[in-house]
Amino acid sequence: MESFFSLLIALVLGGSALSGVKIVTQGNEALVETLGKYNGKKLKPGLNFVIPVYERVAYQATIRERVLDIPPQQCITRDNVSMTADAVVYWRILDLEKAYYKVENLQSAMVNLVLTQIRSEMGRLELDETFTARSQINEILLRDLDEATDPWGVKVTRVELRDIVPSKAVQESMELQMSAERRKRAAILTSEGERESAVNSARGKAEAQVLDAEARQKSAILEAEGQQKTIILKAQAERQQQVLKAQATAEAMQVISRILKTDANAQEALQFLVAQNYIEMGTTIGKSDSSKVMFMDPRSIPGTLEGLRSIVGESNQPQFLDLDEDA
């Protein structure tokens, strides 16, 4: 019997010793109470020992970041529009003692706090602002929740609104508004396109007229310059022709003068040539465009020839010789 009691006592003591062995996994912490009172003892990850009956593990939780799913709830905006909103909150425990002793059911308290903050922020905005100011709402919720949960030893790291769903009647009204807005934008874009097309067409016509006027101006300038060069070249040619004629006449006069000095019969030949030139001159005048009819009395021809003979006779005087000497 004594051996039996000894074995029983050994088993009880062994069981008690084993109950005092506590293993805490990585990322978790545990609070240890001594006779129902917390004295600041925490169990870290790994193998830990507590005194059976005298000490006990009151609370064990993870200190890693966790995700809190906020269920959808009804909200009323500032312009009295009913809508449903839900969110997701990322948080972690910084002080396990506060998270256990400062609040009862920490997760439930955080859910109610987030729901209250969402309704409060949505009530400050109009319907259109809730869709465009989502990032601002997330920042405000993060700041307010972080401040509110700080006494609980909790750090809120991120808050994200997931879905903002207006009521069915509001959705239909929004679809009608968006359809009207699209038609308005389409009409505005069409009118702007027509206006730009008209402006571009008018600008193109104006530029074409300017280019055409510049082309005509350049053409007129080139034509005038061409005519001027033609006139100059023609005048130079006529002047050169007159110079050549004058030189030819002067040379002919010198030849005739030398012949008259050396040949006595050359005077009759000269008279014949003068008479022939006179007749040819009349023929040329008759062919001119400005002369239609020329009257000549045949009986006056001998008198004319006599006059020419007298002129030629005078040419044999010293005056002609002086002319020849000057030449």
C-alpha atoms as a PDB file:
ATOM      1  CA  MET A   1       0.000   0.000   0.000  1.00  0.00           C
ATOM      2  CA  GLU A   2       2.806   2.380   0.770  1.00  0.00           C
ATOM      3  CA  SER A   3       4.327   1.774  -2.654  1.00  0.00           C
ATOM      4  CA  PHE A   4       0.965   2.479  -4.250  1.00  0.00           C
ATOM      5  CA  PHE A   5       0.589   5.793  -2.468  1.00  0.00           C
ATOM      6  CA  SER A   6       4.155   6.701  -3.325  1.00  0.00           C
ATOM      7  CA  LEU A   7       3.483   5.972  -6.984  1.00  0.00           C
ATOM      8  CA  LEU A   8       0.257   8.012  -6.878  1.00  0.00           C
ATOM      9  CA  ILE A   9       2.030  10.952  -5.289  1.00  0.00           C
ATOM     10  CA  ALA A  10       4.791  10.749  -7.915  1.00  0.00           C
ATOM     11  CA  LEU A  11       2.233  10.739 -10.710  1.00  0.00           C
ATOM     12  CA  VAL A  12       0.453  13.769  -9.261  1.00  0.00           C
ATOM     13  CA  LEU A  13       3.665  15.663  -8.816  1.00  0.00           C
ATOM     14  CA  GLY A  14       4.804  14.692 -12.333  1.00  0.00           C
ATOM     15  CA  GLY A  15       1.498  15.807 -13.827  1.00  0.00           C
ATOM     16  CA  SER A  16       1.700  19.092 -11.973  1.00  0.00           C
ATOM     17  CA  ALA A  17       5.259  19.619 -13.209  1.00  0.00           C
ATOM     18  CA  LEU A  18       4.218  18.894 -16.748  1.00  0.00           C
ATOM     19  CA  SER A  19       1.289  21.317 -16.466  1.00  0.00           C
ATOM     20  CA  GLY A  20       3.767  24.025 -15.613  1.00  0.00           C
ATOM     21  CA  VAL A  21       5.568  23.645 -18.947  1.00  0.00           C
ATOM     22  CA  LYS A  22       4.222  26.161 -21.523  1.00  0.00           C
ATOM     23  CA  ILE A  23       5.330  26.408 -25.147  1.00  0.00           C
ATOM     24  CA  VAL A  24       4.627  29.716 -26.925  1.00  0.00           C
ATOM     25  CA  THR A  25       4.838  29.728 -30.722  1.00  0.00           C
ATOM     26  CA  GLN A  26       6.754  32.341 -32.702  1.00  0.00           C
ATOM     27  CA  GLY A  27       4.813  35.592 -33.117  1.00  0.00           C
ATOM     28  CA  ASN A  28       2.706  35.067 -29.987  1.00  0.00           C
ATOM     29  CA  GLU A  29       2.896  36.297 -26.411  1.00  0.00           C
ATOM     30  CA  ALA A  30       1.177  35.158 -23.190  1.00  0.00           C
ATOM     31  CA  LEU A  31       0.214  36.895 -19.959  1.00  0.00           C
ATOM     32  CA  VAL A  32       0.786  35.102 -16.667  1.00  0.00           C
ATOM     33  CA  GLU A  33      -1.319  35.831 -13.556  1.00  0.00           C
ATOM     34  CA  THR A  34      -0.157  34.997 -10.020  1.00  0.00           C
ATOM     35  CA  LEU A  35      -3.094  33.993  -7.841  1.00  0.00           C
ATOM     36  CA  GLY A  36      -5.431  35.926 -10.170  1.00  0.00           C
ATOM     37  CA  LYS A  37      -3.278  39.052 -10.335  1.00  0.00           C
ATOM     38  CA  TYR A  38      -1.099  40.197 -13.195  1.00  0.00           C
ATOM     39  CA  ASN A  39       2.351  41.229 -12.079  1.00  0.00           C
ATOM     40  CA  GLY A  40       3.851  42.021 -15.475  1.00  0.00           C
ATOM     41  CA  LYS A  41       5.092  38.550 -16.348  1.00  0.00           C
ATOM     42  CA  LYS A  42       4.937  37.618 -20.031  1.00  0.00           C
ATOM     43  CA  LEU A  43       5.886  34.440 -21.794  1.00  0.00           C
ATOM     44  CA  LYS A  44       8.013  34.847 -24.901  1.00  0.00           C
ATOM     45  CA  PRO A  45       8.107  32.446 -27.884  1.00  0.00           C
ATOM     46  CA  GLY A  46       9.717  29.126 -26.956  1.00  0.00           C
ATOM     47  CA  LEU A  47       9.733  26.892 -23.842  1.00  0.00           C
ATOM     48  CA  ASN A  48       8.500  28.539 -20.638  1.00  0.00           C
ATOM     49  CA  PHE A  49       7.725  27.352 -17.099  1.00  0.00           C
ATOM     50  CA  VAL A  50       5.001  28.453 -14.678  1.00  0.00           C
ATOM     51  CA  ILE A  51       4.311  27.321 -11.144  1.00  0.00           C
ATOM     52  CA  PRO A  52       1.273  25.072 -11.167  1.00  0.00           C
ATOM     53  CA  VAL A  53      -1.725  26.300  -9.147  1.00  0.00           C
ATOM     54  CA  TYR A  54       0.212  29.409  -8.102  1.00  0.00           C
ATOM     55  CA  GLU A  55       0.550  30.816 -11.667  1.00  0.00           C
ATOM     56  CA  ARG A  56      -1.588  30.449 -14.765  1.00  0.00           C
ATOM     57  CA  VAL A  57      -1.599  31.687 -18.354  1.00  0.00           C
ATOM     58  CA  ALA A  58      -4.433  34.225 -18.446  1.00  0.00           C
ATOM     59  CA  TYR A  59      -4.269  35.308 -22.117  1.00  0.00           C
ATOM     60  CA  GLN A  60      -2.307  34.342 -25.191  1.00  0.00           C
ATOM     61  CA  ALA A  61      -2.535  36.152 -28.575  1.00  0.00           C
ATOM     62  CA  THR A  62      -0.485  36.918 -31.645  1.00  0.00           C
ATOM     63  CA  ILE A  63       1.354  40.199 -32.028  1.00  0.00           C
ATOM     64  CA  ARG A  64       1.505  39.853 -35.809  1.00  0.00           C
ATOM     65  CA  GLU A  65      -0.536  42.098 -38.097  1.00  0.00           C
ATOM     66  CA  ARG A  66      -4.086  40.937 -38.566  1.00  0.00           C
ATOM     67  CA  VAL A  67      -6.965  41.731 -40.887  1.00  0.00           C
ATOM     68  CA  LEU A  68     -10.336  42.812 -39.567  1.00  0.00           C
ATOM     69  CA  ASP A  69     -13.198  42.430 -42.035  1.00  0.00           C
ATOM     70  CA  ILE A  70     -15.894  45.085 -41.497  1.00  0.00           C
ATOM     71  CA  PRO A  71     -19.343  43.929 -42.689  1.00  0.00           C
ATOM     72  CA  PRO A  72     -21.479  46.177 -44.971  1.00  0.00           C
ATOM     73  CA  GLN A  73     -23.634  48.738 -43.228  1.00  0.00           C
ATOM     74  CA  GLN A  74     -26.166  51.383 -44.187  1.00  0.00           C
ATOM     75  CA  CYS A  75     -24.921  54.988 -44.308  1.00  0.00           C
ATOM     76  CA  ILE A  76     -26.645  58.292 -45.035  1.00  0.00           C
ATOM     77  CA  THR A  77     -24.693  60.990 -46.874  1.00  0.00           C
ATOM     78  CA  ARG A  78     -24.988  64.724 -46.280  1.00  0.00           C
ATOM     79  CA  ASP A  79     -27.442  65.047 -49.182  1.00  0.00           C
ATOM     80  CA  ASN A  80     -29.671  62.296 -47.643  1.00  0.00           C
ATOM     81  CA  VAL A  81     -28.717  59.475 -50.010  1.00  0.00           C
ATOM     82  CA  SER A  82     -28.809  55.944 -48.612  1.00  0.00           C
ATOM     83  CA  MET A  83     -25.860  53.732 -49.423  1.00  0.00           C
ATOM     84  CA  THR A  84     -23.997  50.636 -48.222  1.00  0.00           C
ATOM     85  CA  ALA A  85     -20.283  50.664 -47.339  1.00  0.00           C
ATOM     86  CA  ASP A  86     -17.844  48.108 -46.022  1.00  0.00           C
ATOM     87  CA  ALA A  87     -14.136  48.181 -45.239  1.00  0.00           C
ATOM     88  CA  VAL A  88     -11.090  46.204 -44.226  1.00  0.00           C
ATOM     89  CA  VAL A  89      -8.762  47.167 -41.355  1.00  0.00           C
ATOM     90  CA  TYR A  90      -5.154  46.050 -40.855  1.00  0.00           C
ATOM     91  CA  TRP A  91      -4.045  46.157 -37.229  1.00  0.00           C
ATOM     92  CA  ARG A  92      -1.673  44.575 -34.708  1.00  0.00           C
ATOM     93  CA  ILE A  93      -1.255  44.418 -30.922  1.00  0.00           C
ATOM     94  CA  LEU A  94       1.628  46.447 -29.535  1.00  0.00           C
ATOM     95  CA  ASP A  95       0.854  46.027 -25.808  1.00  0.00           C
ATOM     96  CA  LEU A  96      -0.735  42.677 -24.942  1.00  0.00           C
ATOM     97  CA  GLU A  97      -1.468  43.796 -21.356  1.00  0.00           C
ATOM     98  CA  LYS A  98      -3.605  46.753 -22.495  1.00  0.00           C
ATOM     99  CA  ALA A  99      -5.322  44.710 -25.194  1.00  0.00           C
ATOM    100  CA  TYR A 100      -6.501  42.229 -22.535  1.00  0.00           C
ATOM    101  CA  TYR A 101      -7.094  44.337 -19.438  1.00  0.00           C
ATOM    102  CA  LYS A 102      -8.229  47.695 -20.944  1.00  0.00           C
ATOM    103  CA  VAL A 103     -11.072  46.388 -23.084  1.00  0.00           C
ATOM    104  CA  GLU A 104     -13.295  43.348 -23.116  1.00  0.00           C
ATOM    105  CA  ASN A 105     -13.538  41.518 -26.453  1.00  0.00           C
ATOM    106  CA  LEU A 106     -11.066  43.631 -28.353  1.00  0.00           C
ATOM    107  CA  GLN A 107     -12.106  42.546 -31.846  1.00  0.00           C
ATOM    108  CA  SER A 108     -15.800  43.269 -31.278  1.00  0.00           C
ATOM    109  CA  ALA A 109     -14.927  46.689 -29.880  1.00  0.00           C
ATOM    110  CA  MET A 110     -12.815  47.496 -32.930  1.00  0.00           C
ATOM    111  CA  VAL A 111     -15.573  46.432 -35.330  1.00  0.00           C
ATOM    112  CA  ASN A 112     -18.117  48.696 -33.635  1.00  0.00           C
ATOM    113  CA  LEU A 113     -15.624  51.559 -33.559  1.00  0.00           C
ATOM    114  CA  VAL A 114     -14.881  51.229 -37.287  1.00  0.00           C
ATOM    115  CA  LEU A 115     -18.579  51.089 -38.170  1.00  0.00           C
ATOM    116  CA  THR A 116     -19.226  54.244 -36.170  1.00  0.00           C
ATOM    117  CA  GLN A 117     -16.324  56.086 -37.821  1.00  0.00           C
ATOM    118  CA  ILE A 118     -17.458  55.065 -41.328  1.00  0.00           C
ATOM    119  CA  ARG A 119     -21.018  56.299 -40.725  1.00  0.00           C
ATOM    120  CA  SER A 120     -19.649  59.545 -39.297  1.00  0.00           C
ATOM    121  CA  GLU A 121     -17.350  60.232 -42.264  1.00  0.00           C
ATOM    122  CA  MET A 122     -19.965  59.316 -44.857  1.00  0.00           C
ATOM    123  CA  GLY A 123     -22.450  61.673 -43.224  1.00  0.00           C
ATOM    124  CA  ARG A 124     -20.055  64.588 -43.826  1.00  0.00           C
ATOM    125  CA  LEU A 125     -19.848  64.029 -47.578  1.00  0.00           C
ATOM    126  CA  GLU A 126     -22.232  64.223 -50.481  1.00  0.00           C
ATOM    127  CA  LEU A 127     -22.809  61.265 -52.771  1.00  0.00           C
ATOM    128  CA  ASP A 128     -20.453  62.406 -55.533  1.00  0.00           C
ATOM    129  CA  GLU A 129     -17.693  63.136 -53.013  1.00  0.00           C
ATOM    130  CA  THR A 130     -17.804  59.604 -51.612  1.00  0.00           C
ATOM    131  CA  PHE A 131     -16.580  58.236 -54.962  1.00  0.00           C
ATOM    132  CA  THR A 132     -13.887  60.839 -55.612  1.00  0.00           C
ATOM    133  CA  ALA A 133     -12.565  61.276 -52.051  1.00  0.00           C
ATOM    134  CA  ARG A 134     -12.006  57.605 -51.201  1.00  0.00           C
ATOM    135  CA  SER A 135      -8.306  58.068 -50.407  1.00  0.00           C
ATOM    136  CA  GLN A 136      -9.044  61.056 -48.149  1.00  0.00           C
ATOM    137  CA  ILE A 137     -11.686  59.029 -46.304  1.00  0.00           C
ATOM    138  CA  ASN A 138      -9.189  56.195 -45.797  1.00  0.00           C
ATOM    139  CA  GLU A 139      -6.632  58.607 -44.348  1.00  0.00           C
ATOM    140  CA  ILE A 140      -9.172  60.162 -41.963  1.00  0.00           C
ATOM    141  CA  LEU A 141     -10.386  56.752 -40.787  1.00  0.00           C
ATOM    142  CA  LEU A 142      -6.820  55.580 -40.244  1.00  0.00           C
ATOM    143  CA  ARG A 143      -5.947  58.630 -38.139  1.00  0.00           C
ATOM    144  CA  ASP A 144      -9.111  58.514 -36.028  1.00  0.00           C
ATOM    145  CA  LEU A 145      -9.011  54.747 -35.443  1.00  0.00           C
ATOM    146  CA  ASP A 146      -5.334  54.815 -34.547  1.00  0.00           C
ATOM    147  CA  GLU A 147      -5.971  57.475 -31.930  1.00  0.00           C
ATOM    148  CA  ALA A 148      -9.053  55.690 -30.565  1.00  0.00           C
ATOM    149  CA  THR A 149      -7.369  52.287 -30.230  1.00  0.00           C
ATOM    150  CA  ASP A 150      -4.111  53.583 -28.748  1.00  0.00           C
ATOM    151  CA  PRO A 151      -5.360  53.102 -25.102  1.00  0.00           C
ATOM    152  CA  TRP A 152      -6.047  49.454 -25.994  1.00  0.00           C
ATOM    153  CA  GLY A 153      -2.422  48.851 -27.017  1.00  0.00           C
ATOM    154  CA  VAL A 154      -3.442  48.444 -30.680  1.00  0.00           C
ATOM    155  CA  LYS A 155      -1.816  49.970 -33.761  1.00  0.00           C
ATOM    156  CA  VAL A 156      -4.032  50.435 -36.853  1.00  0.00           C
ATOM    157  CA  THR A 157      -1.738  50.334 -39.890  1.00  0.00           C
ATOM    158  CA  ARG A 158      -4.151  50.605 -42.793  1.00  0.00           C
ATOM    159  CA  VAL A 159      -7.852  51.205 -43.523  1.00  0.00           C
ATOM    160  CA  GLU A 160      -9.426  50.613 -46.933  1.00  0.00           C
ATOM    161  CA  LEU A 161     -13.011  51.196 -48.027  1.00  0.00           C
ATOM    162  CA  ARG A 162     -13.885  48.322 -50.345  1.00  0.00           C
ATOM    163  CA  ASP A 163     -17.367  48.846 -51.747  1.00  0.00           C
ATOM    164  CA  ILE A 164     -19.607  51.916 -51.724  1.00  0.00           C
ATOM    165  CA  VAL A 165     -22.965  50.860 -53.178  1.00  0.00           C
ATOM    166  CA  PRO A 166     -25.883  53.310 -53.449  1.00  0.00           C
ATOM    167  CA  SER A 167     -29.448  52.081 -53.345  1.00  0.00           C
ATOM    168  CA  LYS A 168     -31.102  50.751 -56.503  1.00  0.00           C
ATOM    169  CA  ALA A 169     -33.135  53.936 -57.075  1.00  0.00           C
ATOM    170  CA  VAL A 170     -30.023  56.058 -56.706  1.00  0.00           C
ATOM    171  CA  GLN A 171     -28.118  53.801 -59.128  1.00  0.00           C
ATOM    172  CA  GLU A 172     -30.841  54.189 -61.753  1.00  0.00           C
ATOM    173  CA  SER A 173     -30.812  57.955 -61.278  1.00  0.00           C
ATOM    174  CA  MET A 174     -27.017  58.008 -61.560  1.00  0.00           C
ATOM    175  CA  GLU A 175     -27.144  55.960 -64.766  1.00  0.00           C
ATOM    176  CA  LEU A 176     -29.626  58.434 -66.272  1.00  0.00           C
ATOM    177  CA  GLN A 177     -27.403  61.325 -65.175  1.00  0.00           C
ATOM    178  CA  MET A 178     -24.304  59.684 -66.636  1.00  0.00           C
ATOM    179  CA  SER A 179     -26.127  58.974 -69.902  1.00  0.00           C
ATOM    180  CA  ALA A 180     -27.209  62.605 -70.143  1.00  0.00           C
ATOM    181  CA  GLU A 181     -23.684  63.735 -69.306  1.00  0.00           C
ATOM    182  CA  ARG A 182     -22.245  61.508 -72.044  1.00  0.00           C
ATOM    183  CA  ARG A 183     -24.699  62.897 -74.594  1.00  0.00           C
ATOM    184  CA  LYS A 184     -23.795  66.415 -73.497  1.00  0.00           C
ATOM    185  CA  ARG A 185     -20.079  65.721 -73.845  1.00  0.00           C
ATOM    186  CA  ALA A 186     -20.649  64.118 -77.239  1.00  0.00           C
ATOM    187  CA  ALA A 187     -22.580  67.188 -78.429  1.00  0.00           C
ATOM    188  CA  ILE A 188     -19.867  69.498 -77.093  1.00  0.00           C
ATOM    189  CA  LEU A 189     -17.111  67.483 -78.759  1.00  0.00           C
ATOM    190  CA  THR A 190     -19.065  67.433 -82.029  1.00  0.00           C
ATOM    191  CA  SER A 191     -19.574  71.210 -81.980  1.00  0.00           C
ATOM    192  CA  GLU A 192     -15.926  71.790 -81.073  1.00  0.00           C
ATOM    193  CA  GLY A 193     -14.844  69.520 -83.912  1.00  0.00           C
ATOM    194  CA  GLU A 194     -17.076  71.385 -86.382  1.00  0.00           C
ATOM    195  CA  ARG A 195     -15.742  74.708 -85.111  1.00  0.00           C
ATOM    196  CA  GLU A 196     -12.125  73.610 -85.454  1.00  0.00           C
ATOM    197  CA  SER A 197     -12.877  72.242 -88.919  1.00  0.00           C
ATOM    198  CA  ALA A 198     -14.414  75.565 -89.982  1.00  0.00           C
ATOM    199  CA  VAL A 199     -11.510  77.514 -88.484  1.00  0.00           C
ATOM    200  CA  ASN A 200      -8.976  75.294 -90.198  1.00  0.00           C
ATOM    201  CA  SER A 201     -10.845  75.567 -93.509  1.00  0.00           C
ATOM    202  CA  ALA A 202     -10.989  79.375 -93.287  1.00  0.00           C
ATOM    203  CA  ARG A 203      -7.350  79.522 -92.243  1.00  0.00           C
ATOM    204  CA  GLY A 204      -6.406  77.282 -95.158  1.00  0.00           C
ATOM    205  CA  LYS A 205      -8.316  79.464 -97.618  1.00  0.00           C
ATOM    206  CA  ALA A 206      -6.687  82.618 -96.217  1.00  0.00           C
ATOM    207  CA  GLU A 207      -3.232  81.084 -96.462  1.00  0.00           C
ATOM    208  CA  ALA A 208      -3.979  79.889 -99.985  1.00  0.00           C
ATOM    209  CA  GLN A 209      -5.054  83.407-100.989  1.00  0.00           C
ATOM    210  CA  VAL A 210      -1.921  84.876 -99.436  1.00  0.00           C
ATOM    211  CA  LEU A 211       0.273  82.369-101.237  1.00  0.00           C
ATOM    212  CA  ASP A 212      -1.580  83.005-104.508  1.00  0.00           C
ATOM    213  CA  ALA A 213      -1.156  86.783-104.095  1.00  0.00           C
ATOM    214  CA  GLU A 214       2.536  86.354-103.324  1.00  0.00           C
ATOM    215  CA  ALA A 215       2.931  84.094-106.347  1.00  0.00           C
ATOM    216  CA  ARG A 216       1.178  86.647-108.606  1.00  0.00           C
ATOM    217  CA  GLN A 217       3.336  89.407-107.150  1.00  0.00           C
ATOM    218  CA  LYS A 218       6.528  87.458-107.769  1.00  0.00           C
ATOM    219  CA  SER A 219       5.324  86.574-111.268  1.00  0.00           C
ATOM    220  CA  ALA A 220       4.578  90.237-112.026  1.00  0.00           C
ATOM    221  CA  ILE A 221       7.968  91.265-110.657  1.00  0.00           C
ATOM    222  CA  LEU A 222       9.741  88.649-112.754  1.00  0.00           C
ATOM    223  CA  GLU A 223       7.734  89.616-115.819  1.00  0.00           C
ATOM    224  CA  ALA A 224       8.533  93.316-115.313  1.00  0.00           C
ATOM    225  CA  GLU A 225      12.197  92.508-114.808  1.00  0.00           C
ATOM    226  CA  GLY A 226      12.117  90.412-117.977  1.00  0.00           C
ATOM    227  CA  GLN A 227      10.480  93.204-119.959  1.00  0.00           C
ATOM    228  CA  GLN A 228      12.975  95.695-118.565  1.00  0.00           C
ATOM    229  CA  LYS A 229      15.886  93.484-119.567  1.00  0.00           C
ATOM    230  CA  THR A 230      14.309  93.000-123.006  1.00  0.00           C
ATOM    231  CA  ILE A 231      13.919  96.737-123.493  1.00  0.00           C
ATOM    232  CA  ILE A 232      17.495  97.348-122.347  1.00  0.00           C
ATOM    233  CA  LEU A 233      18.850  94.651-124.644  1.00  0.00           C
ATOM    234  CA  LYS A 234      16.736  95.930-127.546  1.00  0.00           C
ATOM    235  CA  ALA A 235      17.889  99.524-126.950  1.00  0.00           C
ATOM    236  CA  GLN A 236      21.498  98.354-126.736  1.00  0.00           C
ATOM    237  CA  ALA A 237      21.069  96.401-129.968  1.00  0.00           C
ATOM    238  CA  GLU A 238      19.472  99.369-131.754  1.00  0.00           C
ATOM    239  CA  ARG A 239      22.193 101.676-130.475  1.00  0.00           C
ATOM    240  CA  GLN A 240      24.877  99.279-131.614  1.00  0.00           C
ATOM    241  CA  GLN A 241      23.112  98.932-134.940  1.00  0.00           C
ATOM    242  CA  GLN A 242      23.001 102.724-135.398  1.00  0.00           C
ATOM    243  CA  VAL A 243      26.649 102.930-134.408  1.00  0.00           C
ATOM    244  CA  LEU A 244      27.511 100.296-136.958  1.00  0.00           C
ATOM    245  CA  LYS A 245      25.402 102.066-139.610  1.00  0.00           C
ATOM    246  CA  ALA A 246      27.088 105.362-138.809  1.00  0.00           C
ATOM    247  CA  GLN A 247      30.492 103.711-139.019  1.00  0.00           C
ATOM    248  CA  ALA A 248      29.535 102.072-142.296  1.00  0.00           C
ATOM    249  CA  THR A 249      28.264 105.387-143.687  1.00  0.00           C
ATOM    250  CA  ALA A 250      31.442 107.147-142.613  1.00  0.00           C
ATOM    251  CA  GLU A 251      33.579 104.483-144.246  1.00  0.00           C
ATOM    252  CA  ALA A 252      31.438 104.645-147.412  1.00  0.00           C
ATOM    253  CA  MET A 253      31.832 108.410-147.550  1.00  0.00           C
ATOM    254  CA  GLN A 254      35.580 108.062-147.261  1.00  0.00           C
ATOM    255  CA  VAL A 255      35.634 105.520-150.075  1.00  0.00           C
ATOM    256  CA  ILE A 256      33.465 107.722-152.286  1.00  0.00           C
ATOM    257  CA  SER A 257      35.620 110.733-151.516  1.00  0.00           C
ATOM    258  CA  ARG A 258      38.765 108.889-152.522  1.00  0.00           C
ATOM    259  CA  ILE A 259      37.149 107.635-155.722  1.00  0.00           C
ATOM    260  CA  LEU A 260      35.922 111.104-156.677  1.00  0.00           C
ATOM    261  CA  LYS A 261      39.437 112.449-156.227  1.00  0.00           C
ATOM    262  CA  THR A 262      40.977 109.803-158.441  1.00  0.00           C
ATOM    263  CA  ASP A 263      38.311 109.215-161.148  1.00  0.00           C
ATOM    264  CA  ALA A 264      36.599 112.092-163.043  1.00  0.00           C
ATOM    265  CA  ASN A 265      33.802 109.857-164.383  1.00  0.00           C
ATOM    266  CA  ALA A 266      32.797 108.766-160.893  1.00  0.00           C
ATOM    267  CA  GLN A 267      30.484 111.785-160.571  1.00  0.00           C
ATOM    268  CA  GLU A 268      27.995 110.441-163.103  1.00  0.00           C
ATOM    269  CA  ALA A 269      27.965 107.076-161.314  1.00  0.00           C
ATOM    270  CA  LEU A 270      27.381 108.864-158.048  1.00  0.00           C
ATOM    271  CA  GLN A 271      24.439 110.776-159.535  1.00  0.00           C
ATOM    272  CA  PHE A 272      22.935 107.497-160.724  1.00  0.00           C
ATOM    273  CA  LEU A 273      23.282 105.926-157.282  1.00  0.00           C
ATOM    274  CA  VAL A 274      21.687 108.933-155.576  1.00  0.00           C
ATOM    275  CA  ALA A 275      18.743 108.836-157.984  1.00  0.00           C
ATOM    276  CA  GLN A 276      18.344 105.101-157.426  1.00  0.00           C
ATOM    277  CA  ASN A 277      18.397 105.548-153.625  1.00  0.00           C
ATOM    278  CA  TYR A 278      15.777 108.242-153.944  1.00  0.00           C
ATOM    279  CA  ILE A 279      13.480 105.942-155.834  1.00  0.00           C
ATOM    280  CA  GLU A 280      14.068 103.097-153.368  1.00  0.00           C
ATOM    281  CA  MET A 281      13.280 105.447-150.535  1.00  0.00           C
ATOM    282  CA  GLY A 282       9.917 106.239-152.078  1.00  0.00           C
ATOM    283  CA  THR A 283       9.242 102.532-152.504  1.00  0.00           C
ATOM    284  CA  THR A 284      10.045 101.908-148.836  1.00  0.00           C
ATOM    285  CA  ILE A 285       7.771 104.738-147.751  1.00  0.00           C
ATOM    286  CA  GLY A 286       4.978 103.256-149.831  1.00  0.00           C
ATOM    287  CA  LYS A 287       5.372  99.882-148.111  1.00  0.00           C
ATOM    288  CA  SER A 288       5.161 101.401-144.620  1.00  0.00           C
ATOM    289  CA  ASP A 289       2.063 100.645-142.476  1.00  0.00           C
ATOM    290  CA  SER A 290       1.552 104.301-141.707  1.00  0.00           C
ATOM    291  CA  SER A 291       1.479 105.244-145.399  1.00  0.00           C
ATOM    292  CA  LYS A 292      -1.268 104.006-147.654  1.00  0.00           C
ATOM    293  CA  VAL A 293      -0.871 106.095-150.852  1.00  0.00           C
ATOM    294  CA  MET A 294       2.108 108.032-152.217  1.00  0.00           C
ATOM    295  CA  PHE A 295       1.696 110.480-155.166  1.00  0.00           C
ATOM    296  CA  MET A 296       4.714 111.233-157.344  1.00  0.00           C
ATOM    297  CA  ASP A 297       4.683 113.265-160.558  1.00  0.00           C
ATOM    298  CA  PRO A 298       6.879 111.533-163.128  1.00  0.00           C
ATOM    299  CA  ARG A 299       7.599 114.902-164.688  1.00  0.00           C
ATOM    300  CA  SER A 300       9.240 116.026-161.471  1.00  0.00           C
ATOM    301  CA  ILE A 301      11.801 113.218-161.547  1.00  0.00           C
ATOM    302  CA  PRO A 302      14.170 114.969-164.001  1.00  0.00           C
ATOM    303  CA  GLY A 303      14.024 118.130-161.898  1.00  0.00           C
ATOM    304  CA  THR A 304      14.741 116.080-158.846  1.00  0.00           C
ATOM    305  CA  LEU A 305      17.659 114.434-160.579  1.00  0.00           C
ATOM    306  CA  GLU A 306      18.964 117.846-161.610  1.00  0.00           C
ATOM    307  CA  GLY A 307      18.740 119.000-158.032  1.00  0.00           C
ATOM    308  CA  LEU A 308      20.603 115.939-156.890  1.00  0.00           C
ATOM    309  CA  ARG A 309      23.184 116.534-159.656  1.00  0.00           C
ATOM    310  CA  SER A 310      23.714 120.036-158.373  1.00  0.00           C
ATOM    311  CA  ILE A 311      24.106 118.721-154.839  1.00  0.00           C
ATOM    312  CA  VAL A 312      26.585 116.162-156.018  1.00  0.00           C
ATOM    313  CA  GLY A 313      28.371 118.838-158.035  1.00  0.00           C
ATOM    314  CA  GLU A 314      28.720 120.894-154.915  1.00  0.00           C
ATOM    315  CA  SER A 315      30.152 117.926-153.170  1.00  0.00           C
ATOM    316  CA  ASN A 316      33.203 118.224-155.402  1.00  0.00           C
ATOM    317  CA  GLN A 317      33.941 121.643-154.009  1.00  0.00           C
ATOM    318  CA  PRO A 318      36.591 122.169-151.346  1.00  0.00           C
ATOM    319  CA  GLN A 319      33.904 121.855-148.694  1.00  0.00           C
ATOM    320  CA  PHE A 320      33.520 118.110-149.433  1.00  0.00           C
ATOM    321  CA  LEU A 321      37.256 117.797-149.516  1.00  0.00           C
ATOM    322  CA  ASP A 322      37.435 119.488-146.100  1.00  0.00           C
ATOM    323  CA  LEU A 323      34.840 116.973-144.836  1.00  0.00           C
ATOM    324  CA  ASP A 324      36.928 114.181-146.200  1.00  0.00           C
ATOM    325  CA  GLU A 325      40.018 115.567-144.576  1.00  0.00           C
ATOM    326  CA  ASP A 326      38.179 115.817-141.284  1.00  0.00           C
ATOM    327  CA  ALA A 327      37.029 112.271-141.729  1.00  0.00           C
END
